[in-house]
All heavy atoms as atom14 arrays in JSON, in Angstrom:
{
  "sequence": "GKFEPREEYLYPLMKTVSYRDAETALDLTIMRYGEKVDQALREKGATI",
  "atom14_mask": [
    [1, 1, 1, 1, 0, 0, 0, 0, 0, 0, 0, 0, 0, 0],
    [1, 1, 1, 1, 1, 1, 1, 1, 1, 0, 0, 0, 0, 0],
    [1, 1, 1, 1, 1, 1, 1, 1, 1, 1, 1, 0, 0, 0],
    [1, 1, 1, 1, 1, 1, 1, 1, 1, 0, 0, 0, 0, 0],
    [1, 1, 1, 1, 1, 1, 1, 0, 0, 0, 0, 0, 0, 0],
    [1, 1, 1, 1, 1, 1, 1, 1, 1, 1, 1, 0, 0, 0],
    [1, 1, 1, 1, 1, 1, 1, 1, 1, 0, 0, 0, 0, 0],
    [1, 1, 1, 1, 1, 1, 1, 1, 1, 0, 0, 0, 0, 0],
    [1, 1, 1, 1, 1, 1, 1, 1, 1, 1, 1, 1, 0, 0],
    [1, 1, 1, 1, 1, 1, 1, 1, 0, 0, 0, 0, 0, 0],
    [1, 1, 1, 1, 1, 1, 1, 1, 1, 1, 1, 1, 0, 0],
    [1, 1, 1, 1, 1, 1, 1, 0, 0, 0, 0, 0, 0, 0],
    [1, 1, 1, 1, 1, 1, 1, 1, 0, 0, 0, 0, 0, 0],
    [1, 1, 1, 1, 1, 1, 1, 1, 0, 0, 0, 0, 0, 0],
    [1, 1, 1, 1, 1, 1, 1, 1, 1, 0, 0, 0, 0, 0],
    [1, 1, 1, 1, 1, 1, 1, 0, 0, 0, 0, 0, 0, 0],
    [1, 1, 1, 1, 1, 1, 1, 0, 0, 0, 0, 0, 0, 0],
    [1, 1, 1, 1, 1, 1, 0, 0, 0, 0, 0, 0, 0, 0],
    [1, 1, 1, 1, 1, 1, 1, 1, 1, 1, 1, 1, 0, 0],
    [1, 1, 1, 1, 1, 1, 1, 1, 1, 1, 1, 0, 0, 0],
    [1, 1, 1, 1, 1, 1, 1, 1, 0, 0, 0, 0, 0, 0],
    [1, 1, 1, 1, 1, 0, 0, 0, 0, 0, 0, 0, 0, 0],
    [1, 1, 1, 1, 1, 1, 1, 1, 1, 0, 0, 0, 0, 0],
    [1, 1, 1, 1, 1, 1, 1, 0, 0, 0, 0, 0, 0, 0],
    [1, 1, 1, 1, 1, 0, 0, 0, 0, 0, 0, 0, 0, 0],
    [1, 1, 1, 1, 1, 1, 1, 1, 0, 0, 0, 0, 0, 0],
    [1, 1, 1, 1, 1, 1, 1, 1, 0, 0, 0, 0, 0, 0],
    [1, 1, 1, 1, 1, 1, 1, 1, 0, 0, 0, 0, 0, 0],
    [1, 1, 1, 1, 1, 1, 1, 0, 0, 0, 0, 0, 0, 0],
    [1, 1, 1, 1, 1, 1, 1, 1, 0, 0, 0, 0, 0, 0],
    [1, 1, 1, 1, 1, 1, 1, 1, 0, 0, 0, 0, 0, 0],
    [1, 1, 1, 1, 1, 1, 1, 1, 1, 1, 1, 0, 0, 0],
    [1, 1, 1, 1, 1, 1, 1, 1, 1, 1, 1, 1, 0, 0],
    [1, 1, 1, 1, 0, 0, 0, 0, 0, 0, 0, 0, 0, 0],
    [1, 1, 1, 1, 1, 1, 1, 1, 1, 0, 0, 0, 0, 0],
    [1, 1, 1, 1, 1, 1, 1, 1, 1, 0, 0, 0, 0, 0],
    [1, 1, 1, 1, 1, 1, 1, 0, 0, 0, 0, 0, 0, 0],
    [1, 1, 1, 1, 1, 1, 1, 1, 0, 0, 0, 0, 0, 0],
    [1, 1, 1, 1, 1, 1, 1, 1, 1, 0, 0, 0, 0, 0],
    [1, 1, 1, 1, 1, 0, 0, 0, 0, 0, 0, 0, 0, 0],
    [1, 1, 1, 1, 1, 1, 1, 1, 0, 0, 0, 0, 0, 0],
    [1, 1, 1, 1, 1, 1, 1, 1, 1, 1, 1, 0, 0, 0],
    [1, 1, 1, 1, 1, 1, 1, 1, 1, 0, 0, 0, 0, 0],
    [1, 1, 1, 1, 1, 1, 1, 1, 1, 0, 0, 0, 0, 0],
    [1, 1, 1, 1, 0, 0, 0, 0, 0, 0, 0, 0, 0, 0],
    [1, 1, 1, 1, 1, 0, 0, 0, 0, 0, 0, 0, 0, 0],
    [1, 1, 1, 1, 1, 1, 1, 0, 0, 0, 0, 0, 0, 0],
    [1, 1, 1, 1, 1, 1, 1, 1, 0, 0, 0, 0, 0, 0]
  ],
  "atom14_positions": [
    [[22.37, -38.74, 26.44], [22.82, -38.06, 27.63], [24.23, -37.68, 27.6], [24.73, -36.78, 28.32], [0.0, 0.0, 0.0], [0.0, 0.0, 0.0], [0.0, 0.0, 0.0], [0.0, 0.0, 0.0], [0.0, 0.0, 0.0], [0.0, 0.0, 0.0], [0.0, 0.0, 0.0], [0.0, 0.0, 0.0], [0.0, 0.0, 0.0], [0.0, 0.0, 0.0]],
    [[25.03, -38.34, 26.78], [26.53, -38.09, 26.68], [26.86, -37.16, 25.51], [27.99, -36.72, 25.41], [27.24, -39.38, 26.52], [27.16, -40.29, 27.71], [27.8, -41.62, 27.48], [27.61, -42.53, 28.7], [28.25, -43.86, 28.45], [0.0, 0.0, 0.0], [0.0, 0.0, 0.0], [0.0, 0.0, 0.0], [0.0, 0.0, 0.0], [0.0, 0.0, 0.0]],
    [[25.9, -36.86, 24.67], [26.17, -36.0, 23.52], [26.54, -34.59, 24.03], [25.93, -34.04, 24.9], [24.96, -35.86, 22.59], [24.64, -37.09, 21.77], [23.43, -37.13, 21.07], [25.46, -38.19, 21.76], [23.12, -38.24, 20.32], [25.15, -39.33, 20.98], [23.95, -39.35, 20.28], [0.0, 0.0, 0.0], [0.0, 0.0, 0.0], [0.0, 0.0, 0.0]],
    [[27.55, -34.03, 23.39], [27.97, -32.65, 23.66], [27.92, -31.82, 22.42], [28.19, -32.34, 21.32], [29.41, -32.66, 24.23], [29.57, -33.33, 25.56], [28.94, -32.65, 26.71], [28.72, -31.4, 26.6], [28.67, -33.28, 27.76], [0.0, 0.0, 0.0], [0.0, 0.0, 0.0], [0.0, 0.0, 0.0], [0.0, 0.0, 0.0], [0.0, 0.0, 0.0]],
    [[27.6, -30.61, 22.49], [27.17, -29.9, 23.66], [25.74, -30.17, 24.04], [24.88, -30.35, 23.15], [27.31, -28.39, 23.24], [27.12, -28.44, 21.8], [27.66, -29.76, 21.31], [0.0, 0.0, 0.0], [0.0, 0.0, 0.0], [0.0, 0.0, 0.0], [0.0, 0.0, 0.0], [0.0, 0.0, 0.0], [0.0, 0.0, 0.0], [0.0, 0.0, 0.0]],
    [[25.45, -30.3, 25.29], [24.11, -30.63, 25.74], [23.06, -29.6, 25.31], [21.95, -29.97, 25.07], [24.08, -30.76, 27.29], [24.76, -31.99, 27.77], [24.65, -32.18, 29.25], [24.93, -33.56, 29.64], [24.44, -34.18, 30.61], [23.62, -33.55, 31.43], [24.76, -35.47, 30.85], [0.0, 0.0, 0.0], [0.0, 0.0, 0.0], [0.0, 0.0, 0.0]],
    [[23.52, -28.4, 25.21], [22.57, -27.32, 24.78], [22.02, -27.59, 23.38], [20.97, -27.14, 23.05], [23.29, -25.95, 24.79], [23.62, -25.47, 26.2], [24.94, -26.0, 26.73], [25.61, -26.82, 26.06], [25.3, -25.66, 27.88], [0.0, 0.0, 0.0], [0.0, 0.0, 0.0], [0.0, 0.0, 0.0], [0.0, 0.0, 0.0], [0.0, 0.0, 0.0]],
    [[22.77, -28.31, 22.61], [22.39, -28.56, 21.25], [21.58, -29.88, 21.1], [20.72, -29.96, 20.21], [23.64, -28.71, 20.33], [23.31, -28.79, 18.9], [24.58, -28.75, 18.0], [25.64, -28.31, 18.47], [24.5, -29.22, 16.87], [0.0, 0.0, 0.0], [0.0, 0.0, 0.0], [0.0, 0.0, 0.0], [0.0, 0.0, 0.0], [0.0, 0.0, 0.0]],
    [[21.82, -30.84, 21.96], [21.17, -32.11, 21.78], [20.19, -32.5, 22.94], [19.05, -32.77, 22.72], [22.27, -33.24, 21.62], [23.14, -32.94, 20.45], [24.45, -32.54, 20.58], [22.66, -33.17, 19.15], [25.25, -32.3, 19.48], [23.46, -32.99, 18.01], [24.77, -32.52, 18.24], [25.54, -32.28, 17.11], [0.0, 0.0, 0.0], [0.0, 0.0, 0.0]],
    [[20.71, -32.56, 24.14], [19.92, -33.03, 25.25], [18.85, -32.03, 25.7], [17.69, -32.41, 25.8], [20.82, -33.39, 26.44], [20.07, -33.92, 27.66], [19.33, -35.19, 27.37], [21.07, -34.14, 28.81], [0.0, 0.0, 0.0], [0.0, 0.0, 0.0], [0.0, 0.0, 0.0], [0.0, 0.0, 0.0], [0.0, 0.0, 0.0], [0.0, 0.0, 0.0]],
    [[19.2, -30.81, 25.91], [18.29, -29.85, 26.42], [17.11, -29.61, 25.52], [15.97, -29.52, 25.99], [18.98, -28.55, 26.79], [20.04, -28.76, 27.86], [21.08, -27.83, 28.02], [20.05, -29.81, 28.69], [22.13, -27.98, 28.94], [21.06, -30.01, 29.7], [22.03, -29.08, 29.81], [23.03, -29.25, 30.72], [0.0, 0.0, 0.0], [0.0, 0.0, 0.0]],
    [[17.29, -29.5, 24.2], [16.12, -29.39, 23.35], [15.17, -30.56, 23.39], [13.97, -30.45, 23.36], [16.72, -29.23, 21.89], [18.08, -28.66, 22.14], [18.52, -29.3, 23.42], [0.0, 0.0, 0.0], [0.0, 0.0, 0.0], [0.0, 0.0, 0.0], [0.0, 0.0, 0.0], [0.0, 0.0, 0.0], [0.0, 0.0, 0.0], [0.0, 0.0, 0.0]],
    [[15.77, -31.8, 23.53], [14.94, -32.98, 23.69], [14.12, -32.91, 24.92], [12.95, -33.26, 24.9], [15.88, -34.22, 23.72], [15.19, -35.54, 24.15], [14.19, -35.99, 23.07], [16.24, -36.61, 24.42], [0.0, 0.0, 0.0], [0.0, 0.0, 0.0], [0.0, 0.0, 0.0], [0.0, 0.0, 0.0], [0.0, 0.0, 0.0], [0.0, 0.0, 0.0]],
    [[14.69, -32.38, 26.0], [14.01, -32.29, 27.29], [12.81, -31.33, 27.24], [12.0, -31.4, 28.11], [14.99, -31.95, 28.39], [16.01, -33.02, 28.66], [17.29, -32.58, 29.8], [16.3, -32.55, 31.32], [0.0, 0.0, 0.0], [0.0, 0.0, 0.0], [0.0, 0.0, 0.0], [0.0, 0.0, 0.0], [0.0, 0.0, 0.0], [0.0, 0.0, 0.0]],
    [[12.74, -30.48, 26.24], [11.66, -29.53, 26.12], [10.51, -30.07, 25.28], [9.49, -29.4, 25.17], [12.2, -28.22, 25.49], [13.15, -27.48, 26.37], [13.68, -26.22, 25.7], [14.73, -25.54, 26.6], [15.26, -24.36, 25.93], [0.0, 0.0, 0.0], [0.0, 0.0, 0.0], [0.0, 0.0, 0.0], [0.0, 0.0, 0.0], [0.0, 0.0, 0.0]],
    [[10.64, -31.26, 24.78], [9.63, -31.81, 23.88], [8.51, -32.46, 24.65], [8.66, -32.94, 25.8], [10.21, -32.82, 22.89], [10.68, -33.99, 23.64], [11.32, -32.27, 22.0], [0.0, 0.0, 0.0], [0.0, 0.0, 0.0], [0.0, 0.0, 0.0], [0.0, 0.0, 0.0], [0.0, 0.0, 0.0], [0.0, 0.0, 0.0], [0.0, 0.0, 0.0]],
    [[7.32, -32.53, 24.04], [6.16, -33.16, 24.64], [6.45, -34.66, 24.87], [6.09, -35.19, 25.91], [4.94, -32.96, 23.8], [3.75, -33.79, 24.28], [4.56, -31.49, 23.72], [0.0, 0.0, 0.0], [0.0, 0.0, 0.0], [0.0, 0.0, 0.0], [0.0, 0.0, 0.0], [0.0, 0.0, 0.0], [0.0, 0.0, 0.0], [0.0, 0.0, 0.0]],
    [[7.09, -35.28, 23.89], [7.37, -36.73, 24.04], [8.29, -37.0, 25.26], [8.09, -37.99, 25.97], [7.94, -37.31, 22.79], [9.11, -36.63, 22.4], [0.0, 0.0, 0.0], [0.0, 0.0, 0.0], [0.0, 0.0, 0.0], [0.0, 0.0, 0.0], [0.0, 0.0, 0.0], [0.0, 0.0, 0.0], [0.0, 0.0, 0.0], [0.0, 0.0, 0.0]],
    [[9.23, -36.17, 25.5], [10.1, -36.32, 26.68], [9.25, -36.13, 27.95], [9.36, -36.97, 28.88], [11.2, -35.27, 26.68], [12.12, -35.39, 27.88], [13.22, -36.22, 27.89], [11.88, -34.66, 29.04], [14.07, -36.33, 28.97], [12.68, -34.74, 30.18], [13.81, -35.6, 30.12], [14.55, -35.72, 31.24], [0.0, 0.0, 0.0], [0.0, 0.0, 0.0]],
    [[8.45, -35.13, 27.99], [7.58, -34.9, 29.15], [6.63, -36.05, 29.4], [6.36, -36.44, 30.54], [6.79, -33.55, 29.03], [7.69, -32.36, 28.91], [8.27, -31.99, 30.27], [9.06, -30.75, 30.1], [10.08, -30.42, 30.9], [10.41, -31.22, 31.85], [10.71, -29.33, 30.65], [0.0, 0.0, 0.0], [0.0, 0.0, 0.0], [0.0, 0.0, 0.0]],
    [[6.05, -36.59, 28.31], [5.18, -37.71, 28.41], [5.91, -38.94, 29.02], [5.32, -39.6, 29.86], [4.58, -38.07, 27.03], [3.54, -37.08, 26.58], [3.07, -36.22, 27.37], [3.15, -37.16, 25.38], [0.0, 0.0, 0.0], [0.0, 0.0, 0.0], [0.0, 0.0, 0.0], [0.0, 0.0, 0.0], [0.0, 0.0, 0.0], [0.0, 0.0, 0.0]],
    [[7.09, -39.16, 28.52], [7.85, -40.3, 28.99], [8.21, -40.09, 30.46], [8.1, -41.07, 31.27], [9.15, -40.53, 28.18], [0.0, 0.0, 0.0], [0.0, 0.0, 0.0], [0.0, 0.0, 0.0], [0.0, 0.0, 0.0], [0.0, 0.0, 0.0], [0.0, 0.0, 0.0], [0.0, 0.0, 0.0], [0.0, 0.0, 0.0], [0.0, 0.0, 0.0]],
    [[8.56, -38.89, 30.84], [8.9, -38.57, 32.24], [7.67, -38.75, 33.14], [7.77, -39.39, 34.2], [9.39, -37.16, 32.33], [9.9, -36.75, 33.7], [10.42, -35.35, 33.72], [9.89, -34.48, 32.99], [11.37, -35.09, 34.5], [0.0, 0.0, 0.0], [0.0, 0.0, 0.0], [0.0, 0.0, 0.0], [0.0, 0.0, 0.0], [0.0, 0.0, 0.0]],
    [[6.51, -38.38, 32.68], [5.3, -38.57, 33.43], [4.93, -40.02, 33.56], [4.53, -40.47, 34.62], [4.13, -37.78, 32.74], [4.47, -36.38, 32.72], [2.82, -38.01, 33.51], [0.0, 0.0, 0.0], [0.0, 0.0, 0.0], [0.0, 0.0, 0.0], [0.0, 0.0, 0.0], [0.0, 0.0, 0.0], [0.0, 0.0, 0.0], [0.0, 0.0, 0.0]],
    [[5.11, -40.77, 32.49], [4.8, -42.21, 32.51], [5.76, -42.85, 33.53], [5.3, -43.79, 34.26], [4.97, -42.81, 31.13], [0.0, 0.0, 0.0], [0.0, 0.0, 0.0], [0.0, 0.0, 0.0], [0.0, 0.0, 0.0], [0.0, 0.0, 0.0], [0.0, 0.0, 0.0], [0.0, 0.0, 0.0], [0.0, 0.0, 0.0], [0.0, 0.0, 0.0]],
    [[6.99, -42.49, 33.55], [7.92, -43.14, 34.52], [7.54, -42.72, 35.96], [7.53, -43.58, 36.83], [9.33, -42.64, 34.2], [9.94, -43.2, 32.93], [11.26, -42.55, 32.62], [10.13, -44.72, 33.04], [0.0, 0.0, 0.0], [0.0, 0.0, 0.0], [0.0, 0.0, 0.0], [0.0, 0.0, 0.0], [0.0, 0.0, 0.0], [0.0, 0.0, 0.0]],
    [[7.18, -41.48, 36.17], [6.75, -41.01, 37.48], [5.56, -41.81, 37.96], [5.49, -42.22, 39.12], [6.44, -39.55, 37.5], [7.71, -38.62, 37.39], [8.75, -39.15, 37.67], [7.49, -37.45, 37.1], [0.0, 0.0, 0.0], [0.0, 0.0, 0.0], [0.0, 0.0, 0.0], [0.0, 0.0, 0.0], [0.0, 0.0, 0.0], [0.0, 0.0, 0.0]],
    [[4.56, -42.0, 37.09], [3.34, -42.75, 37.45], [3.65, -44.2, 37.75], [3.08, -44.76, 38.69], [2.32, -42.61, 36.32], [1.73, -41.24, 36.16], [0.86, -41.24, 34.89], [0.91, -40.86, 37.38], [0.0, 0.0, 0.0], [0.0, 0.0, 0.0], [0.0, 0.0, 0.0], [0.0, 0.0, 0.0], [0.0, 0.0, 0.0], [0.0, 0.0, 0.0]],
    [[4.54, -44.78, 37.0], [4.97, -46.19, 37.27], [5.7, -46.3, 38.6], [5.43, -47.26, 39.38], [5.86, -46.71, 36.07], [5.18, -46.59, 34.87], [6.33, -48.15, 36.33], [0.0, 0.0, 0.0], [0.0, 0.0, 0.0], [0.0, 0.0, 0.0], [0.0, 0.0, 0.0], [0.0, 0.0, 0.0], [0.0, 0.0, 0.0], [0.0, 0.0, 0.0]],
    [[6.56, -45.34, 38.91], [7.27, -45.36, 40.18], [6.2, -45.24, 41.32], [6.27, -45.92, 42.36], [8.28, -44.24, 40.21], [9.47, -44.58, 39.3], [8.81, -44.01, 41.68], [10.37, -43.43, 38.99], [0.0, 0.0, 0.0], [0.0, 0.0, 0.0], [0.0, 0.0, 0.0], [0.0, 0.0, 0.0], [0.0, 0.0, 0.0], [0.0, 0.0, 0.0]],
    [[5.24, -44.35, 41.16], [4.19, -44.17, 42.2], [3.4, -45.44, 42.38], [3.13, -45.87, 43.51], [3.28, -43.02, 41.82], [3.86, -41.67, 41.99], [2.88, -40.28, 41.34], [1.25, -40.67, 41.85], [0.0, 0.0, 0.0], [0.0, 0.0, 0.0], [0.0, 0.0, 0.0], [0.0, 0.0, 0.0], [0.0, 0.0, 0.0], [0.0, 0.0, 0.0]],
    [[3.02, -46.09, 41.24], [2.22, -47.36, 41.28], [3.02, -48.44, 42.02], [2.52, -49.18, 42.82], [1.86, -47.72, 39.87], [0.56, -48.46, 39.81], [0.0, -48.65, 38.38], [0.97, -49.16, 37.46], [1.3, -48.55, 36.31], [0.8, -47.37, 36.0], [2.18, -49.05, 35.49], [0.0, 0.0, 0.0], [0.0, 0.0, 0.0], [0.0, 0.0, 0.0]],
    [[4.31, -48.5, 41.69], [5.18, -49.49, 42.33], [5.27, -49.23, 43.83], [5.13, -50.17, 44.67], [6.56, -49.46, 41.75], [7.54, -50.47, 42.31], [7.51, -51.8, 41.98], [8.43, -50.04, 43.31], [8.36, -52.72, 42.57], [9.31, -50.95, 43.88], [9.27, -52.27, 43.49], [10.13, -53.19, 44.06], [0.0, 0.0, 0.0], [0.0, 0.0, 0.0]],
    [[5.42, -47.95, 44.23], [5.53, -47.62, 45.64], [4.27, -47.97, 46.38], [4.27, -48.45, 47.51], [0.0, 0.0, 0.0], [0.0, 0.0, 0.0], [0.0, 0.0, 0.0], [0.0, 0.0, 0.0], [0.0, 0.0, 0.0], [0.0, 0.0, 0.0], [0.0, 0.0, 0.0], [0.0, 0.0, 0.0], [0.0, 0.0, 0.0], [0.0, 0.0, 0.0]],
    [[3.1, -47.73, 45.73], [1.84, -48.09, 46.33], [1.76, -49.6, 46.56], [1.25, -50.0, 47.63], [0.68, -47.6, 45.49], [0.52, -46.12, 45.45], [-0.47, -45.6, 44.41], [-0.98, -46.42, 43.59], [-0.69, -44.37, 44.32], [0.0, 0.0, 0.0], [0.0, 0.0, 0.0], [0.0, 0.0, 0.0], [0.0, 0.0, 0.0], [0.0, 0.0, 0.0]],
    [[2.22, -50.35, 45.61], [2.2, -51.81, 45.75], [3.11, -52.3, 46.88], [2.75, -53.15, 47.63], [2.64, -52.41, 44.4], [2.38, -53.86, 44.25], [0.96, -54.1, 43.8], [0.86, -55.42, 43.16], [-0.41, -55.67, 42.61], [0.0, 0.0, 0.0], [0.0, 0.0, 0.0], [0.0, 0.0, 0.0], [0.0, 0.0, 0.0], [0.0, 0.0, 0.0]],
    [[4.29, -51.66, 47.0], [5.19, -52.01, 48.07], [4.6, -51.66, 49.42], [4.64, -52.41, 50.33], [6.57, -51.32, 47.88], [7.44, -51.43, 49.12], [7.28, -51.89, 46.65], [0.0, 0.0, 0.0], [0.0, 0.0, 0.0], [0.0, 0.0, 0.0], [0.0, 0.0, 0.0], [0.0, 0.0, 0.0], [0.0, 0.0, 0.0], [0.0, 0.0, 0.0]],
    [[4.02, -50.45, 49.5], [3.4, -50.0, 50.74], [2.24, -50.96, 51.14], [2.13, -51.33, 52.3], [2.78, -48.59, 50.59], [3.84, -47.55, 50.54], [5.01, -47.79, 50.92], [3.52, -46.4, 50.14], [0.0, 0.0, 0.0], [0.0, 0.0, 0.0], [0.0, 0.0, 0.0], [0.0, 0.0, 0.0], [0.0, 0.0, 0.0], [0.0, 0.0, 0.0]],
    [[1.45, -51.37, 50.17], [0.37, -52.31, 50.47], [0.89, -53.6, 50.97], [0.42, -54.18, 51.94], [-0.47, -52.54, 49.2], [-1.61, -53.49, 49.42], [-2.39, -53.78, 48.13], [-2.12, -53.19, 47.05], [-3.35, -54.62, 48.22], [0.0, 0.0, 0.0], [0.0, 0.0, 0.0], [0.0, 0.0, 0.0], [0.0, 0.0, 0.0], [0.0, 0.0, 0.0]],
    [[1.98, -54.14, 50.33], [2.53, -55.42, 50.75], [3.07, -55.29, 52.16], [2.94, -56.21, 52.99], [3.64, -55.86, 49.77], [0.0, 0.0, 0.0], [0.0, 0.0, 0.0], [0.0, 0.0, 0.0], [0.0, 0.0, 0.0], [0.0, 0.0, 0.0], [0.0, 0.0, 0.0], [0.0, 0.0, 0.0], [0.0, 0.0, 0.0], [0.0, 0.0, 0.0]],
    [[3.72, -54.15, 52.47], [4.31, -53.95, 53.8], [3.18, -53.88, 54.84], [3.29, -54.43, 55.94], [5.18, -52.73, 53.83], [6.48, -52.84, 53.1], [7.18, -51.53, 53.07], [7.39, -53.92, 53.67], [0.0, 0.0, 0.0], [0.0, 0.0, 0.0], [0.0, 0.0, 0.0], [0.0, 0.0, 0.0], [0.0, 0.0, 0.0], [0.0, 0.0, 0.0]],
    [[2.12, -53.16, 54.48], [0.95, -53.07, 55.43], [0.35, -54.46, 55.68], [0.05, -54.82, 56.82], [-0.12, -52.15, 54.89], [0.17, -50.65, 55.06], [-1.0, -49.79, 54.77], [-1.58, -49.97, 53.48], [-1.19, -49.35, 52.36], [-0.21, -48.47, 52.41], [-1.8, -49.56, 51.19], [0.0, 0.0, 0.0], [0.0, 0.0, 0.0], [0.0, 0.0, 0.0]],
    [[0.21, -55.22, 54.59], [-0.34, -56.6, 54.74], [0.55, -57.46, 55.63], [0.08, -58.23, 56.45], [-0.64, -57.19, 53.42], [-1.77, -56.57, 52.64], [-1.96, -57.05, 51.24], [-1.16, -57.97, 50.81], [-2.82, -56.56, 50.55], [0.0, 0.0, 0.0], [0.0, 0.0, 0.0], [0.0, 0.0, 0.0], [0.0, 0.0, 0.0], [0.0, 0.0, 0.0]],
    [[1.86, -57.37, 55.35], [2.82, -58.17, 56.13], [2.77, -57.71, 57.59], [2.81, -58.55, 58.52], [4.23, -57.96, 55.56], [5.25, -58.79, 56.3], [6.57, -58.71, 55.59], [7.58, -59.65, 56.33], [8.83, -59.71, 55.64], [0.0, 0.0, 0.0], [0.0, 0.0, 0.0], [0.0, 0.0, 0.0], [0.0, 0.0, 0.0], [0.0, 0.0, 0.0]],
    [[2.66, -56.42, 57.82], [2.6, -55.88, 59.17], [1.36, -56.38, 59.89], [1.39, -56.76, 61.05], [0.0, 0.0, 0.0], [0.0, 0.0, 0.0], [0.0, 0.0, 0.0], [0.0, 0.0, 0.0], [0.0, 0.0, 0.0], [0.0, 0.0, 0.0], [0.0, 0.0, 0.0], [0.0, 0.0, 0.0], [0.0, 0.0, 0.0], [0.0, 0.0, 0.0]],
    [[0.26, -56.42, 59.18], [-1.04, -56.89, 59.77], [-0.91, -58.41, 60.09], [-1.37, -58.86, 61.11], [-2.2, -56.69, 58.74], [0.0, 0.0, 0.0], [0.0, 0.0, 0.0], [0.0, 0.0, 0.0], [0.0, 0.0, 0.0], [0.0, 0.0, 0.0], [0.0, 0.0, 0.0], [0.0, 0.0, 0.0], [0.0, 0.0, 0.0], [0.0, 0.0, 0.0]],
    [[-0.23, -59.15, 59.23], [-0.02, -60.56, 59.5], [0.86, -60.77, 60.72], [0.56, -61.6, 61.55], [0.68, -61.26, 58.29], [-0.15, -61.05, 57.15], [0.83, -62.73, 58.51], [0.0, 0.0, 0.0], [0.0, 0.0, 0.0], [0.0, 0.0, 0.0], [0.0, 0.0, 0.0], [0.0, 0.0, 0.0], [0.0, 0.0, 0.0], [0.0, 0.0, 0.0]],
    [[1.92, -59.97, 60.81], [2.81, -60.09, 62.0], [2.06, -59.73, 63.29], [2.17, -60.39, 64.29], [4.08, -59.23, 61.77], [4.96, -59.81, 60.69], [4.88, -59.09, 63.1], [6.1, -58.92, 60.28], [0.0, 0.0, 0.0], [0.0, 0.0, 0.0], [0.0, 0.0, 0.0], [0.0, 0.0, 0.0], [0.0, 0.0, 0.0], [0.0, 0.0, 0.0]]
  ]
}
């Protein structure tokens, strides 16, 4: 991310399938974590 010029190093990487796959995997993990937090909060709310 610090390599310059970004047009030569970072941006071409961001166009690759492996980058998109990693980005998707991270998005899915964030969603799964959010669902777990929401569930815990709902359960805690029900307990209260």
